[in-house]
Amino acid sequence: MKTKFKDFLLYSLACVGAVSLLLSALDKPKENSQNDWIYNAVASEAGIVVYNTYNGSIKFTHLK
């Protein structure tokens, strides 16, 4: 009785592992599509510094 349960548990977990490996191999990462809206901004008395983390551009705006 115990060996049947062990075999059932072993084979069922092996099937779950095989399915998860198959699904992870088929899952293709999505390419980042021209998304320039990834910003970090810091404000101070002198102005605002905006850093685009997607393409690395830095913009500085002076405050009046």
PDB file of N, CA and C in Angstrom:
ATOM      1  N   MET A   1       0.823  -1.189   0.000  1.00  0.00           N
ATOM      2  CA  MET A   1       0.000   0.000   0.000  1.00  0.00           C
ATOM      3  C   MET A   1       0.865   1.250   0.000  1.00  0.00           C
ATOM      4  N   LYS A   2       1.924   1.233   0.800  1.00  0.00           N
ATOM      5  CA  LYS A   2       2.773   2.410   0.885  1.00  0.00           C
ATOM      6  C   LYS A   2       3.540   2.634  -0.410  1.00  0.00           C
ATOM      7  N   THR A   3       3.952   1.574  -1.072  1.00  0.00           N
ATOM      8  CA  THR A   3       4.714   1.752  -2.314  1.00  0.00           C
ATOM      9  C   THR A   3       3.828   2.304  -3.426  1.00  0.00           C
ATOM     10  N   LYS A   4       2.550   1.939  -3.441  1.00  0.00           N
ATOM     11  CA  LYS A   4       1.648   2.500  -4.448  1.00  0.00           C
ATOM     12  C   LYS A   4       1.479   3.995  -4.234  1.00  0.00           C
ATOM     13  N   PHE A   5       1.342   4.405  -2.977  1.00  0.00           N
ATOM     14  CA  PHE A   5       1.204   5.833  -2.669  1.00  0.00           C
ATOM     15  C   PHE A   5       2.476   6.592  -3.018  1.00  0.00           C
ATOM     16  N   LYS A   6       3.625   6.005  -2.683  1.00  0.00           N
ATOM     17  CA  LYS A   6       4.896   6.641  -3.012  1.00  0.00           C
ATOM     18  C   LYS A   6       5.074   6.775  -4.514  1.00  0.00           C
ATOM     19  N   ASP A   7       4.731   5.734  -5.248  1.00  0.00           N
ATOM     20  CA  ASP A   7       4.837   5.799  -6.707  1.00  0.00           C
ATOM     21  C   ASP A   7       3.896   6.844  -7.286  1.00  0.00           C
ATOM     22  N   PHE A   8       2.667   6.876  -6.784  1.00  0.00           N
ATOM     23  CA  PHE A   8       1.702   7.865  -7.260  1.00  0.00           C
ATOM     24  C   PHE A   8       2.202   9.285  -6.979  1.00  0.00           C
ATOM     25  N   LEU A   9       2.700   9.512  -5.784  1.00  0.00           N
ATOM     26  CA  LEU A   9       3.206  10.828  -5.415  1.00  0.00           C
ATOM     27  C   LEU A   9       4.424  11.200  -6.253  1.00  0.00           C
ATOM     28  N   LEU A  10       5.325  10.261  -6.455  1.00  0.00           N
ATOM     29  CA  LEU A  10       6.531  10.512  -7.237  1.00  0.00           C
ATOM     30  C   LEU A  10       6.200  10.852  -8.678  1.00  0.00           C
ATOM     31  N   TYR A  11       5.318  10.076  -9.294  1.00  0.00           N
ATOM     32  CA  TYR A  11       4.970  10.314 -10.696  1.00  0.00           C
ATOM     33  C   TYR A  11       4.135  11.580 -10.877  1.00  0.00           C
ATOM     34  N   SER A  12       3.274  11.865  -9.935  1.00  0.00           N
ATOM     35  CA  SER A  12       2.480  13.086 -10.061  1.00  0.00           C
ATOM     36  C   SER A  12       3.364  14.328  -9.913  1.00  0.00           C
ATOM     37  N   LEU A  13       4.314  14.300  -8.984  1.00  0.00           N
ATOM     38  CA  LEU A  13       5.229  15.439  -8.837  1.00  0.00           C
ATOM     39  C   LEU A  13       6.168  15.552 -10.040  1.00  0.00           C
ATOM     40  N   ALA A  14       6.550  14.421 -10.614  1.00  0.00           N
ATOM     41  CA  ALA A  14       7.385  14.450 -11.815  1.00  0.00           C
ATOM     42  C   ALA A  14       6.616  15.054 -12.985  1.00  0.00           C
ATOM     43  N   CYS A  15       5.335  14.730 -13.084  1.00  0.00           N
ATOM     44  CA  CYS A  15       4.510  15.329 -14.151  1.00  0.00           C
ATOM     45  C   CYS A  15       4.343  16.825 -13.951  1.00  0.00           C
ATOM     46  N   VAL A  16       4.131  17.248 -12.722  1.00  0.00           N
ATOM     47  CA  VAL A  16       4.012  18.679 -12.438  1.00  0.00           C
ATOM     48  C   VAL A  16       5.312  19.390 -12.786  1.00  0.00           C
ATOM     49  N   GLY A  17       6.442  18.813 -12.461  1.00  0.00           N
ATOM     50  CA  GLY A  17       7.736  19.413 -12.797  1.00  0.00           C
ATOM     51  C   GLY A  17       7.966  19.476 -14.288  1.00  0.00           C
ATOM     52  N   ALA A  18       7.590  18.422 -15.013  1.00  0.00           N
ATOM     53  CA  ALA A  18       7.768  18.411 -16.462  1.00  0.00           C
ATOM     54  C   ALA A  18       6.883  19.456 -17.130  1.00  0.00           C
ATOM     55  N   VAL A  19       5.659  19.589 -16.656  1.00  0.00           N
ATOM     56  CA  VAL A  19       4.752  20.605 -17.218  1.00  0.00           C
ATOM     57  C   VAL A  19       5.273  22.006 -16.919  1.00  0.00           C
ATOM     58  N   SER A  20       5.778  22.236 -15.724  1.00  0.00           N
ATOM     59  CA  SER A  20       6.297  23.564 -15.400  1.00  0.00           C
ATOM     60  C   SER A  20       7.538  23.896 -16.217  1.00  0.00           C
ATOM     61  N   LEU A  21       8.393  22.909 -16.468  1.00  0.00           N
ATOM     62  CA  LEU A  21       9.558  23.152 -17.326  1.00  0.00           C
ATOM     63  C   LEU A  21       9.136  23.450 -18.758  1.00  0.00           C
ATOM     64  N   LEU A  22       8.141  22.734 -19.234  1.00  0.00           N
ATOM     65  CA  LEU A  22       7.639  22.973 -20.585  1.00  0.00           C
ATOM     66  C   LEU A  22       7.035  24.360 -20.712  1.00  0.00           C
ATOM     67  N   LEU A  23       6.247  24.763 -19.735  1.00  0.00           N
ATOM     68  CA  LEU A  23       5.631  26.082 -19.783  1.00  0.00           C
ATOM     69  C   LEU A  23       6.660  27.199 -19.671  1.00  0.00           C
ATOM     70  N   SER A  24       7.686  27.011 -18.869  1.00  0.00           N
ATOM     71  CA  SER A  24       8.711  28.052 -18.744  1.00  0.00           C
ATOM     72  C   SER A  24       9.557  28.149 -20.005  1.00  0.00           C
ATOM     73  N   ALA A  25       9.732  27.041 -20.718  1.00  0.00           N
ATOM     74  CA  ALA A  25      10.490  27.081 -21.968  1.00  0.00           C
ATOM     75  C   ALA A  25       9.681  27.747 -23.070  1.00  0.00           C
ATOM     76  N   LEU A  26       8.371  27.602 -23.035  1.00  0.00           N
ATOM     77  CA  LEU A  26       7.524  28.200 -24.056  1.00  0.00           C
ATOM     78  C   LEU A  26       7.220  29.669 -23.784  1.00  0.00           C
ATOM     79  N   ASP A  27       7.405  30.091 -22.561  1.00  0.00           N
ATOM     80  CA  ASP A  27       7.108  31.468 -22.194  1.00  0.00           C
ATOM     81  C   ASP A  27       8.208  32.384 -22.706  1.00  0.00           C
ATOM     82  N   LYS A  28       7.890  33.177 -23.717  1.00  0.00           N
ATOM     83  CA  LYS A  28       8.874  34.092 -24.284  1.00  0.00           C
ATOM     84  C   LYS A  28       8.743  35.443 -23.596  1.00  0.00           C
ATOM     85  N   PRO A  29       9.856  36.050 -23.221  1.00  0.00           N
ATOM     86  CA  PRO A  29       9.758  37.372 -22.589  1.00  0.00           C
ATOM     87  C   PRO A  29       9.269  38.412 -23.590  1.00  0.00           C
ATOM     88  N   LYS A  30       8.433  39.296 -23.095  1.00  0.00           N
ATOM     89  CA  LYS A  30       7.903  40.345 -23.953  1.00  0.00           C
ATOM     90  C   LYS A  30       8.975  41.403 -24.165  1.00  0.00           C
ATOM     91  N   GLU A  31       9.115  41.827 -25.410  1.00  0.00           N
ATOM     92  CA  GLU A  31      10.087  42.863 -25.711  1.00  0.00           C
ATOM     93  C   GLU A  31       9.527  44.212 -25.298  1.00  0.00           C
ATOM     94  N   ASN A  32      10.397  45.064 -24.811  1.00  0.00           N
ATOM     95  CA  ASN A  32       9.983  46.393 -24.400  1.00  0.00           C
ATOM     96  C   ASN A  32       9.748  47.228 -25.646  1.00  0.00           C
ATOM     97  N   SER A  33       8.530  47.630 -25.870  1.00  0.00           N
ATOM     98  CA  SER A  33       8.155  48.289 -27.120  1.00  0.00           C
ATOM     99  C   SER A  33       8.228  49.803 -26.990  1.00  0.00           C
ATOM    100  N   GLN A  34       9.319  50.386 -27.341  1.00  0.00           N
ATOM    101  CA  GLN A  34       9.486  51.841 -27.452  1.00  0.00           C
ATOM    102  C   GLN A  34       8.837  52.589 -26.291  1.00  0.00           C
ATOM    103  N   ASN A  35       8.956  52.069 -25.113  1.00  0.00           N
ATOM    104  CA  ASN A  35       8.332  52.700 -23.959  1.00  0.00           C
ATOM    105  C   ASN A  35       9.339  53.630 -23.301  1.00  0.00           C
ATOM    106  N   ASP A  36       9.171  54.921 -23.519  1.00  0.00           N
ATOM    107  CA  ASP A  36      10.071  55.914 -22.943  1.00  0.00           C
ATOM    108  C   ASP A  36       9.502  56.529 -21.672  1.00  0.00           C
ATOM    109  N   TRP A  37       8.452  55.960 -21.127  1.00  0.00           N
ATOM    110  CA  TRP A  37       7.794  56.551 -19.975  1.00  0.00           C
ATOM    111  C   TRP A  37       8.268  55.933 -18.666  1.00  0.00           C
ATOM    112  N   ILE A  38       9.557  55.631 -18.564  1.00  0.00           N
ATOM    113  CA  ILE A  38      10.125  55.087 -17.338  1.00  0.00           C
ATOM    114  C   ILE A  38      11.076  56.149 -16.787  1.00  0.00           C
ATOM    115  N   TYR A  39      10.592  56.960 -15.843  1.00  0.00           N
ATOM    116  CA  TYR A  39      11.343  58.109 -15.368  1.00  0.00           C
ATOM    117  C   TYR A  39      11.554  58.053 -13.863  1.00  0.00           C
ATOM    118  N   ASN A  40      12.659  58.663 -13.437  1.00  0.00           N
ATOM    119  CA  ASN A  40      12.910  58.987 -12.044  1.00  0.00           C
ATOM    120  C   ASN A  40      13.128  60.483 -12.006  1.00  0.00           C
ATOM    121  N   ALA A  41      12.453  61.176 -11.105  1.00  0.00           N
ATOM    122  CA  ALA A  41      12.553  62.629 -11.031  1.00  0.00           C
ATOM    123  C   ALA A  41      12.937  63.057  -9.619  1.00  0.00           C
ATOM    124  N   VAL A  42      13.785  64.089  -9.554  1.00  0.00           N
ATOM    125  CA  VAL A  42      14.196  64.667  -8.279  1.00  0.00           C
ATOM    126  C   VAL A  42      14.016  66.173  -8.386  1.00  0.00           C
ATOM    127  N   ALA A  43      13.315  66.753  -7.417  1.00  0.00           N
ATOM    128  CA  ALA A  43      13.067  68.197  -7.421  1.00  0.00           C
ATOM    129  C   ALA A  43      13.836  68.846  -6.272  1.00  0.00           C
ATOM    130  N   SER A  44      14.355  70.050  -6.559  1.00  0.00           N
ATOM    131  CA  SER A  44      15.023  70.838  -5.531  1.00  0.00           C
ATOM    132  C   SER A  44      14.694  72.303  -5.784  1.00  0.00           C
ATOM    133  N   GLU A  45      15.304  73.202  -5.033  1.00  0.00           N
ATOM    134  CA  GLU A  45      15.060  74.625  -5.229  1.00  0.00           C
ATOM    135  C   GLU A  45      15.625  75.100  -6.558  1.00  0.00           C
ATOM    136  N   ALA A  46      16.683  74.473  -7.037  1.00  0.00           N
ATOM    137  CA  ALA A  46      17.326  74.894  -8.278  1.00  0.00           C
ATOM    138  C   ALA A  46      16.554  74.440  -9.514  1.00  0.00           C
ATOM    139  N   GLY A  47      15.911  73.298  -9.432  1.00  0.00           N
ATOM    140  CA  GLY A  47      15.186  72.808 -10.588  1.00  0.00           C
ATOM    141  C   GLY A  47      14.792  71.348 -10.423  1.00  0.00           C
ATOM    142  N   ILE A  48      14.400  70.773 -11.531  1.00  0.00           N
ATOM    143  CA  ILE A  48      13.956  69.382 -11.547  1.00  0.00           C
ATOM    144  C   ILE A  48      14.869  68.590 -12.472  1.00  0.00           C
ATOM    145  N   VAL A  49      15.374  67.474 -11.974  1.00  0.00           N
ATOM    146  CA  VAL A  49      16.195  66.571 -12.779  1.00  0.00           C
ATOM    147  C   VAL A  49      15.354  65.333 -13.064  1.00  0.00           C
ATOM    148  N   VAL A  50      15.204  65.013 -14.350  1.00  0.00           N
ATOM    149  CA  VAL A  50      14.430  63.850 -14.766  1.00  0.00           C
ATOM    150  C   VAL A  50      15.376  62.898 -15.480  1.00  0.00           C
ATOM    151  N   TYR A  51      15.445  61.656 -14.975  1.00  0.00           N
ATOM    152  CA  TYR A  51      16.312  60.631 -15.560  1.00  0.00           C
ATOM    153  C   TYR A  51      15.444  59.547 -16.169  1.00  0.00           C
ATOM    154  N   ASN A  52      15.625  59.290 -17.462  1.00  0.00           N
ATOM    155  CA  ASN A  52      14.886  58.239 -18.161  1.00  0.00           C
ATOM    156  C   ASN A  52      15.671  56.950 -18.014  1.00  0.00           C
ATOM    157  N   THR A  53      15.103  55.972 -17.315  1.00  0.00           N
ATOM    158  CA  THR A  53      15.814  54.715 -17.074  1.00  0.00           C
ATOM    159  C   THR A  53      15.797  53.799 -18.286  1.00  0.00           C
ATOM    160  N   TYR A  54      14.962  54.102 -19.287  1.00  0.00           N
ATOM    161  CA  TYR A  54      14.892  53.254 -20.479  1.00  0.00           C
ATOM    162  C   TYR A  54      16.040  53.553 -21.431  1.00  0.00           C
ATOM    163  N   ASN A  55      16.263  54.825 -21.734  1.00  0.00           N
ATOM    164  CA  ASN A  55      17.315  55.152 -22.697  1.00  0.00           C
ATOM    165  C   ASN A  55      18.467  55.947 -22.094  1.00  0.00           C
ATOM    166  N   GLY A  56      18.407  56.302 -20.810  1.00  0.00           N
ATOM    167  CA  GLY A  56      19.517  56.948 -20.139  1.00  0.00           C
ATOM    168  C   GLY A  56      19.611  58.446 -20.320  1.00  0.00           C
ATOM    169  N   SER A  57      18.602  59.079 -20.906  1.00  0.00           N
ATOM    170  CA  SER A  57      18.674  60.528 -21.105  1.00  0.00           C
ATOM    171  C   SER A  57      18.359  61.253 -19.797  1.00  0.00           C
ATOM    172  N   ILE A  58      19.000  62.409 -19.636  1.00  0.00           N
ATOM    173  CA  ILE A  58      18.820  63.231 -18.444  1.00  0.00           C
ATOM    174  C   ILE A  58      18.341  64.603 -18.885  1.00  0.00           C
ATOM    175  N   LYS A  59      17.285  65.115 -18.247  1.00  0.00           N
ATOM    176  CA  LYS A  59      16.761  66.444 -18.541  1.00  0.00           C
ATOM    177  C   LYS A  59      16.756  67.254 -17.259  1.00  0.00           C
ATOM    178  N   PHE A  60      17.163  68.523 -17.363  1.00  0.00           N
ATOM    179  CA  PHE A  60      17.169  69.418 -16.205  1.00  0.00           C
ATOM    180  C   PHE A  60      16.319  70.624 -16.532  1.00  0.00           C
ATOM    181  N   THR A  61      15.399  70.950 -15.654  1.00  0.00           N
ATOM    182  CA  THR A  61      14.512  72.096 -15.842  1.00  0.00           C
ATOM    183  C   THR A  61      14.769  73.077 -14.712  1.00  0.00           C
ATOM    184  N   HIS A  62      15.101  74.322 -15.073  1.00  0.00           N
ATOM    185  CA  HIS A  62      15.306  75.364 -14.067  1.00  0.00           C
ATOM    186  C   HIS A  62      13.958  75.887 -13.597  1.00  0.00           C
ATOM    187  N   LEU A  63      13.844  76.082 -12.301  1.00  0.00           N
ATOM    188  CA  LEU A  63      12.648  76.706 -11.744  1.00  0.00           C
ATOM    189  C   LEU A  63      12.867  78.205 -11.638  1.00  0.00           C
ATOM    190  N   LYS A  64      11.851  78.966 -11.888  1.00  0.00           N
ATOM    191  CA  LYS A  64      11.983  80.431 -11.846  1.00  0.00           C
ATOM    192  C   LYS A  64      11.699  80.953 -10.473  1.00  0.00           C
TER     193      LYS A  64
END
